[in-house]
């Protein structure tokens, strides 16, 4: 539903209903048989233009429809879907990517979801697909099987599988993905991701964050006996780096070509044909695109979020080379001050130094780490002390109390995704630093009257949860 219009997709066709005037229109003249999705596309609304509508059609096609229900053109994605799937980066398995071009895919899209200013998401039994429909581009597709439904929140996907499990995926550019892996100390996975997507790492935009120094640091975290081949690949990648002011653009060249498009390292196609005008025949197909680099396409998911993020302090890149042994000297306040003064807030080394502090000072160090939010997140602390959940409670309580009282509830809400975390944290809070059970429950296990008035260590956190 949008601006007084209700969009309906039945098993045979799509309808657009004007709920105010109680009228409806059939979209297009040709029926189809089966489940095909449709969605409003408000991406153009900021410029004063009316929203578009996209309706799935048989054979990996989409109708582009105006707000009056008239078919403007038909877009064909069948041949473009011959590109290989992008891997999902996960700790569960090493990422693999086969550059081999496959056969075209003739698919039916049972649902369409508006994803961002330019993108539409859909899925089948085989995987997830993201399109830039106005340019007729396949941004990416990945093999994530047996999906029953998907919910979207900015660049986060929550996938409900047929077995009832929920998979949480984040859509990130390559450099942001590697930065996140470095912050979590997942050195092997970070190195494999770098080597898998070399074009993105070498690109100058990525190198503003992933510098040679960071890659050198990553290389030295890998065990030579175990990861000798991976270290060699990383060394080759480092050798390919050019000066940041280099005018050379060859590093973005494609690795091969196929018909009217070239294949980048990530498997995304760079389409080189020009856009054609709208088609009068509803099922005629258009193949058009602007030539976008791999990084520019992946930026679609992160650029709108970067505007919402608070400014972060950045230090000199040279500070990131601070000797770890320096962190072994002095008491906790001294080391925290050194960390504040010497390590930039966006440094992937920050979580490594925080780990050192935790190993040395335990819970008192965790309570002090709230000053490094959002560079160090609650999820990082959960992983850091997963064997000692009571210590995570101490950090969470300290972090929430660091905010003004009238902002604490909304601040805590921002972490409670998925919603099941609320119950998990509440169970922790009511089972640690609490009155003895004999004071709160009778012999039959029922709550005693007024037991809530006793001293509960995390009473404020319990109330917010």
Protein backbone atom coordinates (compact mmCIF):
# COMPACT_ATOMS: atom_id res chain seq x y z
CA UNK A 1 0.00 0.00 0.00
CA UNK A 2 1.33 3.45 -0.91
CA UNK A 3 -0.24 6.90 -1.32
CA UNK A 4 -3.82 5.60 -1.52
CA UNK A 5 -2.97 2.73 -3.87
CA UNK A 6 -3.16 -0.96 -2.97
CA UNK A 7 -1.04 -3.35 -5.04
CA UNK A 8 -2.33 -6.93 -5.31
CA UNK A 9 -0.76 -9.92 -7.04
CA UNK A 10 -3.00 -12.94 -7.62
CA UNK A 11 -2.19 -16.27 -9.25
CA UNK A 12 -3.09 -14.93 -12.70
CA UNK A 13 -2.34 -11.18 -12.77
CA UNK A 14 -1.60 -8.04 -10.72
CA UNK A 15 -4.09 -5.30 -9.83
CA UNK A 16 -3.72 -1.69 -8.70
CA UNK A 17 -6.57 -0.40 -6.49
CA UNK A 18 -7.44 3.21 -5.65
CA UNK A 19 -8.84 2.80 -2.14
CA UNK A 20 -10.15 6.37 -1.96
CA UNK A 21 -12.15 6.31 -5.22
CA UNK A 22 -12.85 2.57 -4.90
CA UNK A 23 -11.55 1.77 -8.39
CA UNK A 24 -9.07 -0.80 -9.63
CA UNK A 25 -7.05 -1.47 -12.76
CA UNK A 26 -5.57 -4.62 -14.25
CA UNK A 27 -1.82 -4.30 -14.77
CA UNK A 28 -0.96 -5.40 -18.30
CA UNK A 29 -2.99 -7.49 -20.72
CA UNK A 30 -1.25 -10.85 -20.50
CA UNK A 31 -2.11 -13.26 -17.72
CA UNK A 32 0.30 -15.74 -16.12
CA UNK A 33 -0.14 -18.83 -13.97
CA UNK A 34 1.46 -19.16 -10.53
CA UNK A 35 2.98 -17.11 -7.70
CA UNK A 36 4.61 -13.93 -8.95
CA UNK A 37 5.45 -10.97 -6.73
CA UNK A 38 4.97 -7.22 -7.15
CA UNK A 39 6.15 -4.21 -5.19
CA UNK A 40 6.09 -0.43 -5.12
CA UNK A 41 9.42 1.22 -5.89
CA UNK A 42 9.56 4.62 -4.15
CA UNK A 43 13.18 5.24 -5.08
CA UNK A 44 12.33 8.25 -7.28
CA UNK A 45 9.94 9.97 -4.84
CA UNK A 46 12.58 12.32 -3.44
CA UNK A 47 12.73 14.09 -6.81
CA UNK A 48 9.00 14.74 -6.85
CA UNK A 49 8.29 11.88 -9.25
CA UNK A 50 5.64 9.27 -8.64
CA UNK A 51 6.69 5.80 -7.45
CA UNK A 52 7.17 2.98 -9.92
CA UNK A 53 5.81 -0.55 -9.64
CA UNK A 54 7.63 -3.76 -10.53
CA UNK A 55 5.73 -6.97 -11.30
CA UNK A 56 7.42 -10.34 -11.73
CA UNK A 57 6.78 -12.16 -15.00
CA UNK A 58 7.63 -15.69 -16.22
CA UNK A 59 11.14 -16.34 -17.51
CA UNK A 60 13.13 -14.07 -15.16
CA UNK A 61 11.33 -10.95 -16.39
CA UNK A 62 9.86 -7.89 -14.69
CA UNK A 63 7.34 -5.36 -15.84
CA UNK A 64 8.13 -1.74 -15.05
CA UNK A 65 4.78 -0.04 -14.38
CA UNK A 66 3.85 3.58 -13.67
CA UNK A 67 1.63 4.69 -10.77
CA UNK A 68 -1.44 4.57 -13.02
CA UNK A 69 -0.96 0.85 -13.66
CA UNK A 70 0.38 1.19 -17.22
CA UNK A 71 3.22 -1.10 -18.31
CA UNK A 72 6.18 1.03 -19.40
CA UNK A 73 8.61 -1.73 -20.38
CA UNK A 74 9.65 -5.33 -19.73
CA UNK A 75 13.11 -6.11 -18.36
CA UNK A 76 14.78 -9.47 -19.03
CA UNK A 77 17.30 -10.88 -16.53
CA UNK A 78 17.54 -14.44 -17.86
CA UNK A 79 20.96 -14.16 -19.56
CA UNK A 80 22.37 -11.89 -16.89
CA UNK A 81 21.66 -14.58 -14.28
CA UNK A 82 24.28 -16.84 -15.89
CA UNK A 83 26.86 -15.14 -13.65
CA UNK A 84 28.23 -17.34 -10.83
CA UNK A 85 26.82 -16.87 -7.31
CA UNK A 86 28.66 -14.75 -4.76
CA UNK A 87 29.64 -16.62 -1.59
CA UNK A 88 28.17 -15.82 1.80
CA UNK A 89 31.04 -14.88 4.12
CA UNK A 90 30.58 -16.90 7.31
CA UNK A 91 32.63 -18.53 10.05
CA UNK A 92 30.91 -21.82 9.30
CA UNK A 93 32.90 -22.46 6.13
CA UNK A 94 35.70 -21.00 4.03
CA UNK A 95 34.34 -18.80 1.21
CA UNK A 96 34.72 -20.19 -2.29
CA UNK A 97 34.05 -18.53 -5.62
CA UNK A 98 34.02 -20.14 -9.05
CA UNK A 99 34.49 -17.59 -11.83
CA UNK A 100 33.02 -19.96 -14.42
CA UNK A 101 29.99 -18.56 -16.22
CA UNK A 102 26.97 -20.84 -15.90
CA UNK A 103 23.85 -21.25 -17.97
CA UNK A 104 21.07 -18.66 -18.01
CA UNK A 105 18.31 -18.98 -15.41
CA UNK A 106 14.62 -18.90 -16.27
CA UNK A 107 13.05 -18.20 -12.88
CA UNK A 108 9.74 -17.25 -11.30
CA UNK A 109 10.00 -14.67 -8.55
CA UNK A 110 7.25 -15.37 -5.96
CA UNK A 111 7.84 -12.11 -4.06
CA UNK A 112 9.53 -8.77 -4.76
CA UNK A 113 10.81 -6.52 -1.95
CA UNK A 114 11.98 -2.93 -2.20
CA UNK A 115 15.52 -2.97 -0.76
CA UNK A 116 17.09 0.45 -1.25
CA UNK A 117 16.96 3.54 -3.42
CA UNK A 118 17.92 1.50 -6.48
CA UNK A 119 17.45 -2.18 -5.64
CA UNK A 120 14.77 -4.87 -5.55
CA UNK A 121 15.25 -8.19 -3.77
CA UNK A 122 13.66 -11.55 -4.48
CA UNK A 123 14.37 -15.21 -3.79
CA UNK A 124 13.65 -18.70 -5.06
CA UNK A 125 14.32 -22.20 -3.75
CA UNK A 126 17.84 -21.83 -5.06
CA UNK A 127 18.96 -18.48 -3.70
CA UNK A 128 18.64 -14.74 -3.08
CA UNK A 129 18.72 -12.26 -5.98
CA UNK A 130 19.21 -8.48 -5.95
CA UNK A 131 18.48 -6.39 -9.04
CA UNK A 132 18.90 -2.77 -10.07
CA UNK A 133 15.77 -2.85 -12.24
CA UNK A 134 15.90 0.64 -13.74
CA UNK A 135 19.31 -0.15 -15.22
CA UNK A 136 18.49 -3.83 -15.82
CA UNK A 137 21.43 -5.06 -13.77
CA UNK A 138 21.89 -8.08 -11.57
CA UNK A 139 23.76 -6.67 -8.60
CA UNK A 140 24.36 -10.11 -7.10
CA UNK A 141 22.87 -13.47 -6.30
CA UNK A 142 23.91 -16.02 -3.67
CA UNK A 143 23.00 -19.64 -3.04
CA UNK A 144 20.94 -19.53 0.15
CA UNK A 145 18.47 -22.38 -0.18
CA UNK A 146 15.07 -23.29 1.28
CA UNK A 147 13.99 -19.74 2.14
CA UNK A 148 10.34 -19.32 3.05
CA UNK A 149 10.26 -15.56 3.67
CA UNK A 150 12.57 -12.54 4.01
CA UNK A 151 12.32 -9.33 6.03
CA UNK A 152 14.47 -6.30 5.16
CA UNK A 153 15.81 -3.56 7.46
CA UNK A 154 18.16 -1.20 5.60
CA UNK A 155 21.06 -3.44 4.51
CA UNK A 156 20.12 -6.30 6.86
CA UNK A 157 18.23 -9.40 5.69
CA UNK A 158 16.41 -11.78 8.02
CA UNK A 159 15.67 -15.02 6.17
CA UNK A 160 13.11 -17.49 7.53
CA UNK A 161 13.87 -21.02 6.33
CA UNK A 162 11.32 -23.77 5.83
CA UNK A 163 12.72 -25.59 8.90
CA UNK A 164 11.91 -22.58 11.11
CA UNK A 165 15.47 -21.28 11.45
CA UNK A 166 16.23 -17.58 10.87
CA UNK A 167 19.40 -16.52 9.06
CA UNK A 168 20.67 -12.95 9.52
CA UNK A 169 22.65 -11.56 6.56
CA UNK A 170 24.36 -8.17 6.25
CA UNK A 171 24.87 -6.69 2.78
CA UNK A 172 28.30 -5.05 2.89
CA UNK A 173 30.90 -3.82 0.46
CA UNK A 174 34.04 -5.95 0.42
CA UNK A 175 36.17 -3.51 2.40
CA UNK A 176 33.51 -3.09 5.09
CA UNK A 177 33.20 -6.86 5.35
CA UNK A 178 36.96 -7.27 5.77
CA UNK A 179 37.07 -4.42 8.33
CA UNK A 180 34.41 -6.20 10.39
CA UNK A 181 36.32 -9.50 10.23
CA UNK A 182 39.53 -7.75 11.32
CA UNK A 183 37.78 -6.14 14.27
CA UNK A 184 36.64 -9.57 15.40
CA UNK A 185 40.08 -11.10 15.02
CA UNK A 186 38.91 -13.54 12.32
CA UNK A 187 42.24 -13.39 10.55
CA UNK A 188 41.92 -16.48 8.34
CA UNK A 189 38.48 -15.47 7.04
CA UNK A 190 39.57 -11.86 6.48
CA UNK A 191 42.61 -12.99 4.47
CA UNK A 192 40.57 -15.40 2.33
CA UNK A 193 38.01 -12.67 1.61
CA UNK A 194 40.77 -10.26 0.56
CA UNK A 195 42.27 -12.79 -1.84
CA UNK A 196 38.87 -13.77 -3.20
CA UNK A 197 37.89 -10.18 -4.10
CA UNK A 198 41.20 -8.67 -5.15
CA UNK A 199 39.67 -6.13 -7.54
CA UNK A 200 37.75 -4.47 -4.71
CA UNK A 201 40.73 -4.50 -2.35
CA UNK A 202 43.08 -2.97 -4.90
CA UNK A 203 40.60 -0.27 -5.93
CA UNK A 204 41.61 3.11 -4.56
CA UNK A 205 38.30 3.69 -2.77
CA UNK A 206 38.77 0.52 -0.76
CA UNK A 207 42.39 1.37 0.02
CA UNK A 208 41.32 4.44 1.96
CA UNK A 209 40.36 1.98 4.70
CA UNK A 210 42.25 -1.21 3.83
CA UNK A 211 45.81 0.12 3.71
CA UNK A 212 49.01 -1.81 3.07
CA UNK A 213 49.78 -1.53 6.78
CA UNK A 214 46.54 -3.28 7.72
CA UNK A 215 47.14 -6.06 5.20
CA UNK A 216 50.71 -6.49 6.48
CA UNK A 217 49.34 -6.73 10.01
CA UNK A 218 46.80 -9.30 8.84
CA UNK A 219 49.56 -11.36 7.20
CA UNK A 220 51.54 -11.54 10.45
CA UNK A 221 48.50 -12.86 12.34
CA UNK A 222 48.43 -16.01 10.19
CA UNK A 223 50.36 -19.11 11.24
CA UNK A 224 53.00 -19.81 8.60
CA UNK A 225 52.86 -23.59 9.05
CA UNK A 226 49.08 -23.73 8.62
CA UNK A 227 48.37 -20.94 6.13
CA UNK A 228 51.50 -20.74 3.96
CA UNK A 229 49.52 -20.71 0.68
CA UNK A 230 47.15 -18.03 1.97
CA UNK A 231 50.09 -15.90 3.15
CA UNK A 232 51.65 -16.17 -0.31
CA UNK A 233 48.41 -15.00 -1.94
CA UNK A 234 48.20 -12.10 0.50
CA UNK A 235 51.79 -11.11 -0.29
CA UNK A 236 50.97 -11.13 -4.01
CA UNK A 237 47.96 -8.89 -3.33
CA UNK A 238 50.11 -6.43 -1.36
CA UNK A 239 52.61 -6.27 -4.23
CA UNK A 240 49.80 -5.23 -6.60
CA UNK A 241 49.06 -2.08 -4.62
CA UNK A 242 49.75 1.18 -6.47
CA UNK A 243 50.19 4.68 -5.02
CA UNK A 244 46.83 6.19 -4.05
CA UNK A 245 47.29 9.08 -6.50
CA UNK A 246 47.97 6.77 -9.42
CA UNK A 247 45.89 7.56 -12.47
CA UNK A 248 46.02 3.97 -13.60
CA UNK A 249 42.58 2.52 -14.09
CA UNK A 250 43.66 -0.89 -15.36
CA UNK A 251 43.29 -2.42 -11.92
CA UNK A 252 39.52 -2.30 -12.42
CA UNK A 253 39.64 -4.19 -15.67
CA UNK A 254 37.60 -7.34 -16.08
CA UNK A 255 39.13 -10.81 -16.00
CA UNK A 256 37.21 -12.07 -19.01
CA UNK A 257 34.34 -11.19 -21.27
CA UNK A 258 31.19 -12.83 -22.50
CA UNK A 259 28.97 -11.37 -25.21
CA UNK A 260 28.09 -7.75 -24.25
CA UNK A 261 29.28 -7.73 -20.65
CA UNK A 262 32.46 -8.41 -18.68
CA UNK A 263 32.83 -10.41 -15.46
CA UNK A 264 34.48 -8.84 -12.43
CA UNK A 265 36.27 -10.70 -9.64
CA UNK A 266 33.12 -10.74 -7.54
CA UNK A 267 31.08 -12.29 -10.32
CA UNK A 268 29.11 -9.10 -10.92
CA UNK A 269 28.62 -8.25 -14.58
CA UNK A 270 29.65 -4.92 -16.02
CA UNK A 271 27.11 -4.45 -18.81
CA UNK A 272 28.32 -2.24 -21.64
CA UNK A 273 25.24 -1.87 -23.82
CA UNK A 274 23.30 1.43 -23.74
CA UNK A 275 19.76 1.94 -22.43
CA UNK A 276 16.96 1.67 -24.93
CA UNK A 277 13.68 3.46 -24.79
CA UNK A 278 10.49 2.03 -23.35
CA UNK A 279 8.90 -0.88 -25.13
CA UNK A 280 5.36 -0.72 -26.39
CA UNK A 281 4.96 -4.52 -26.33
CA UNK A 282 4.50 -5.60 -22.70
CA UNK A 283 6.62 -8.73 -23.10
CA UNK A 284 9.38 -7.30 -25.29
CA UNK A 285 12.71 -7.16 -23.45
CA UNK A 286 15.22 -4.41 -22.77
CA UNK A 287 18.91 -4.92 -21.95
CA UNK A 288 20.60 -1.76 -20.81
CA UNK A 289 22.92 -0.46 -18.16
CA UNK A 290 25.36 2.17 -17.17
CA UNK A 291 28.92 0.92 -16.73
CA UNK A 292 29.41 0.70 -12.95
CA UNK A 293 32.49 -0.61 -11.20
CA UNK A 294 32.19 -3.44 -8.71
CA UNK A 295 32.74 -1.05 -5.80
CA UNK A 296 30.16 1.45 -7.02
CA UNK A 297 27.55 -1.31 -7.18
CA UNK A 298 28.34 -2.72 -3.76
CA UNK A 299 28.23 0.83 -2.40
CA UNK A 300 24.48 0.84 -3.07
CA UNK A 301 23.91 -0.91 0.26
CA UNK A 302 26.15 1.20 2.48
CA UNK A 303 26.08 4.78 1.20
CA UNK A 304 22.66 5.63 2.65
CA UNK A 305 23.65 4.21 6.02
CA UNK A 306 26.94 6.08 6.21
CA UNK A 307 24.99 9.34 6.24
CA UNK A 308 23.19 8.21 9.41
CA UNK A 309 26.35 7.32 11.30
CA UNK A 310 27.91 9.72 13.84
CA UNK A 311 31.32 11.22 13.07
CA UNK A 312 34.18 9.17 14.45
CA UNK A 313 37.59 10.31 15.58
CA UNK A 314 40.42 9.21 13.33
CA UNK A 315 44.13 9.22 14.16
CA UNK A 316 47.23 8.99 12.09
CA UNK A 317 47.68 5.65 10.28
CA UNK A 318 51.11 5.43 11.88
CA UNK A 319 49.54 5.02 15.31
CA UNK A 320 48.12 1.65 14.34
CA UNK A 321 51.62 0.20 14.45
CA UNK A 322 51.85 0.71 18.24
CA UNK A 323 53.76 -2.20 19.76
CA UNK A 324 51.45 -4.59 21.59
CA UNK A 325 54.03 -4.87 24.37
CA UNK A 326 53.29 -1.25 25.34
CA UNK A 327 49.81 -2.44 26.38
CA UNK A 328 51.44 -4.78 28.93
CA UNK A 329 52.64 -1.92 31.11
CA UNK A 330 50.82 0.01 33.85
CA UNK A 331 47.45 -0.29 35.58
CA UNK A 332 44.04 -0.29 33.89
CA UNK A 333 43.49 3.54 33.85
CA UNK A 334 46.95 4.06 32.34
CA UNK A 335 46.40 1.47 29.62
CA UNK A 336 42.95 2.84 28.79
CA UNK A 337 44.42 6.31 28.38
CA UNK A 338 47.14 4.91 26.14
CA UNK A 339 44.48 3.16 24.06
CA UNK A 340 42.46 6.38 23.84
CA UNK A 341 45.48 8.42 22.74
CA UNK A 342 47.22 5.96 20.42
CA UNK A 343 44.66 3.87 18.54
CA UNK A 344 42.11 5.42 16.11
CA UNK A 345 38.51 4.54 16.86
CA UNK A 346 38.11 2.98 13.40
CA UNK A 347 41.18 0.76 13.77
CA UNK A 348 40.63 -3.02 13.49
CA UNK A 349 43.33 -3.37 16.17
CA UNK A 350 41.06 -1.80 18.78
CA UNK A 351 39.22 -5.04 19.54
CA UNK A 352 42.58 -6.87 19.76
CA UNK A 353 43.86 -4.44 22.40
CA UNK A 354 40.51 -4.62 24.22
CA UNK A 355 40.96 -8.40 24.35
CA UNK A 356 44.36 -7.92 26.01
CA UNK A 357 42.82 -5.66 28.63
CA UNK A 358 40.06 -8.17 29.34
CA UNK A 359 42.52 -11.03 29.71
CA UNK A 360 44.51 -8.97 32.23
CA UNK A 361 41.80 -7.14 34.21
CA UNK A 362 38.62 -9.16 33.62
CA UNK A 363 35.23 -7.63 34.42
CA UNK A 364 36.61 -4.21 35.43
CA UNK A 365 38.10 -3.87 31.94
CA UNK A 366 34.77 -4.74 30.33
CA UNK A 367 32.97 -2.01 32.29
CA UNK A 368 35.52 0.49 30.94
CA UNK A 369 35.12 -0.53 27.30
CA UNK A 370 31.80 1.32 26.94
CA UNK A 371 33.85 4.43 26.08
CA UNK A 372 34.80 2.79 22.76
CA UNK A 373 31.21 2.34 21.57
CA UNK A 374 30.31 2.13 18.65
CA UNK A 375 33.77 0.95 17.50
CA UNK A 376 33.37 -1.91 19.96
CA UNK A 377 29.79 -3.21 20.00
CA UNK A 378 27.86 -5.34 22.52
CA UNK A 379 28.10 -8.21 20.03
CA UNK A 380 31.91 -7.95 20.22
CA UNK A 381 31.80 -8.13 24.03
CA UNK A 382 29.41 -11.10 23.92
CA UNK A 383 31.93 -12.98 21.80
CA UNK A 384 34.81 -11.85 24.00
CA UNK A 385 33.34 -13.22 27.25
CA UNK A 386 30.93 -15.86 25.98
CA UNK A 387 32.14 -18.26 28.72
CA UNK A 388 31.29 -15.69 31.41
CA UNK A 389 27.82 -14.23 30.66
CA UNK A 390 27.70 -12.44 34.03
CA UNK A 391 30.63 -10.31 32.89
CA UNK A 392 28.75 -9.35 29.74
CA UNK A 393 25.93 -8.14 31.98
CA UNK A 394 28.39 -5.86 33.79
CA UNK A 395 29.44 -4.32 30.47
CA UNK A 396 25.87 -3.93 29.19
CA UNK A 397 24.74 -2.32 32.44
CA UNK A 398 27.69 0.10 32.32
CA UNK A 399 27.05 0.95 28.66
CA UNK A 400 23.34 1.70 29.21
CA UNK A 401 24.06 3.81 32.30
CA UNK A 402 26.57 5.87 30.28
CA UNK A 403 23.62 7.42 28.42
CA UNK A 404 21.27 10.12 29.80
CA UNK A 405 18.43 8.51 31.73
CA UNK A 406 15.71 9.57 29.28
CA UNK A 407 17.62 7.94 26.38
CA UNK A 408 18.50 4.61 27.97
CA UNK A 409 15.44 2.63 26.88
CA UNK A 410 15.67 3.68 23.22
CA UNK A 411 19.44 3.17 23.28
CA UNK A 412 19.02 -0.39 24.57
CA UNK A 413 16.30 -1.09 21.99
CA UNK A 414 18.80 -0.42 19.20
CA UNK A 415 20.71 -3.60 20.20
CA UNK A 416 17.72 -5.92 20.55
CA UNK A 417 17.88 -7.50 17.10
CA UNK A 418 16.84 -10.22 16.81
CA UNK A 419 14.03 -9.75 19.35
CA UNK A 420 14.98 -13.02 21.08
CA UNK A 421 17.96 -11.17 22.60
CA UNK A 422 15.56 -9.35 24.92
CA UNK A 423 14.53 -12.59 26.63
CA UNK A 424 18.10 -13.90 26.71
CA UNK A 425 19.42 -10.76 28.38
CA UNK A 426 16.44 -10.54 30.73
CA UNK A 427 17.05 -14.12 31.92
CA UNK A 428 20.69 -13.19 32.55
CA UNK A 429 19.73 -10.06 34.48
CA UNK A 430 17.25 -11.84 36.77
CA UNK A 431 19.65 -14.69 37.52
CA UNK A 432 22.79 -12.73 38.50
CA UNK A 433 23.41 -10.52 41.53
CA UNK A 434 19.91 -11.20 42.86
CA UNK A 435 18.41 -11.78 46.33
CA UNK A 436 18.54 -15.39 47.62
CA UNK A 437 15.76 -17.59 46.24
CA UNK A 438 14.42 -18.18 49.76
CA UNK A 439 13.59 -14.46 49.90
CA UNK A 440 11.87 -14.32 46.52
CA UNK A 441 10.06 -17.69 46.35
CA UNK A 442 8.17 -19.84 48.80
CA UNK A 443 8.59 -23.61 49.27
CA UNK A 444 6.26 -24.31 46.32
CA UNK A 445 8.25 -22.09 43.95
CA UNK A 446 5.72 -19.25 43.86
CA UNK A 447 6.90 -15.60 44.05
CA UNK A 448 6.75 -14.07 47.55
CA UNK A 449 4.81 -10.86 48.01
CA UNK A 450 6.88 -7.67 47.71
CA UNK A 451 9.98 -9.61 46.58
CA UNK A 452 10.38 -7.07 43.78
CA UNK A 453 11.23 -4.47 46.44
CA UNK A 454 14.40 -6.32 47.44
CA UNK A 455 17.79 -5.30 46.15
CA UNK A 456 18.31 -6.56 42.58
CA UNK A 457 21.79 -5.84 41.19
CA UNK A 458 20.55 -5.12 37.67
CA UNK A 459 17.16 -3.66 38.55
CA UNK A 460 17.49 -0.71 36.14
CA UNK A 461 18.54 -2.98 33.28
CA UNK A 462 15.63 -5.32 34.07
CA UNK A 463 13.18 -2.40 33.90
CA UNK A 464 14.55 -1.24 30.53
CA UNK A 465 14.39 -4.76 29.12
